[in-house]
């Protein structure tokens, strides 16, 4: 199953479990069974995520910011002596 499909299935199963818990209680056998199915889906999701080694889009953005920060720092460091010479 693809990650997107798993995400949708997990979301639906989570909603189902919450509704069962609210309607019939947390100790009701159907609620417990639904919780176990949700656990299985989450485990499958983590497995597929690890296998595909997909990155979070925010991770890519974060890496970009780090590269940008290093580039700016290196640019400033080149002119470090001339920039801070007035302090002496």
Protein backbone atom coordinates (compact mmCIF):
# COMPACT_ATOMS: atom_id res chain seq x y z
CA UNK A 1 0.00 0.00 0.00
CA UNK A 2 1.28 3.50 -0.82
CA UNK A 3 1.97 6.05 1.89
CA UNK A 4 -0.86 8.31 0.75
CA UNK A 5 -3.33 5.42 0.86
CA UNK A 6 -2.07 4.39 4.28
CA UNK A 7 -2.41 7.96 5.57
CA UNK A 8 -6.05 8.07 4.46
CA UNK A 9 -6.77 4.62 5.90
CA UNK A 10 -5.09 5.57 9.19
CA UNK A 11 -7.10 8.77 9.41
CA UNK A 12 -10.38 6.93 8.83
CA UNK A 13 -9.47 4.19 11.32
CA UNK A 14 -8.52 6.80 13.92
CA UNK A 15 -11.88 8.56 13.48
CA UNK A 16 -13.67 5.20 13.75
CA UNK A 17 -11.81 4.34 16.96
CA UNK A 18 -12.56 7.71 18.52
CA UNK A 19 -16.24 7.39 17.66
CA UNK A 20 -16.41 3.84 19.04
CA UNK A 21 -14.66 4.96 22.21
CA UNK A 22 -17.08 7.84 22.69
CA UNK A 23 -20.18 5.76 21.90
CA UNK A 24 -19.38 2.43 23.54
CA UNK A 25 -16.40 3.10 25.81
CA UNK A 26 -12.67 2.44 25.69
CA UNK A 27 -12.95 -1.08 27.13
CA UNK A 28 -15.53 -2.25 24.56
CA UNK A 29 -14.18 -5.15 22.49
CA UNK A 30 -14.89 -3.38 19.17
CA UNK A 31 -12.97 -0.30 20.34
CA UNK A 32 -10.02 -2.46 21.37
CA UNK A 33 -10.10 -4.34 18.07
CA UNK A 34 -10.20 -1.05 16.16
CA UNK A 35 -7.25 0.23 18.22
CA UNK A 36 -5.26 -2.90 17.35
CA UNK A 37 -6.06 -2.42 13.66
CA UNK A 38 -4.89 1.19 13.92
CA UNK A 39 -1.64 0.01 15.55
CA UNK A 40 -1.11 -2.45 12.70
CA UNK A 41 -1.68 0.30 10.12
CA UNK A 42 0.72 2.64 11.91
CA UNK A 43 3.37 -0.07 12.00
CA UNK A 44 2.87 -0.73 8.30
CA UNK A 45 3.12 3.01 7.60
CA UNK A 46 6.41 3.27 9.52
CA UNK A 47 7.76 0.23 7.69
CA UNK A 48 6.83 1.61 4.26
CA UNK A 49 8.21 5.01 5.21
CA UNK A 50 11.50 3.42 6.22
CA UNK A 51 11.64 1.32 3.06
CA UNK A 52 11.02 4.22 0.71
CA UNK A 53 13.22 6.56 2.77
CA UNK A 54 10.97 9.44 1.84
CA UNK A 55 11.84 12.71 3.46
CA UNK A 56 9.49 15.18 4.94
CA UNK A 57 9.21 18.27 2.68
CA UNK A 58 10.06 20.36 5.72
CA UNK A 59 13.34 18.45 6.06
CA UNK A 60 14.29 19.53 2.54
CA UNK A 61 13.37 23.12 3.40
CA UNK A 62 15.38 22.91 6.62
CA UNK A 63 18.42 21.61 4.72
CA UNK A 64 18.07 24.50 2.26
CA UNK A 65 18.04 27.00 5.13
CA UNK A 66 21.18 25.45 6.61
CA UNK A 67 23.00 25.69 3.27
CA UNK A 68 21.83 29.28 2.86
CA UNK A 69 22.99 30.15 6.37
CA UNK A 70 26.43 28.60 5.75
CA UNK A 71 26.75 30.47 2.45
CA UNK A 72 25.90 33.78 4.08
CA UNK A 73 28.27 33.10 6.98
CA UNK A 74 31.10 32.21 4.62
CA UNK A 75 30.45 35.36 2.58
CA UNK A 76 30.60 37.50 5.71
CA UNK A 77 33.68 35.72 7.00
CA UNK A 78 35.62 36.58 3.83
CA UNK A 79 35.28 40.26 4.65
CA UNK A 80 35.61 39.73 8.40
CA UNK A 81 38.83 41.74 8.83
CA UNK A 82 37.63 44.68 6.79
CA UNK A 83 34.19 44.70 8.42
CA UNK A 84 35.43 44.60 12.00
CA UNK A 85 38.68 46.55 11.60
CA UNK A 86 37.04 49.71 12.92
CA UNK A 87 36.53 48.05 16.33
CA UNK A 88 40.29 48.03 17.11
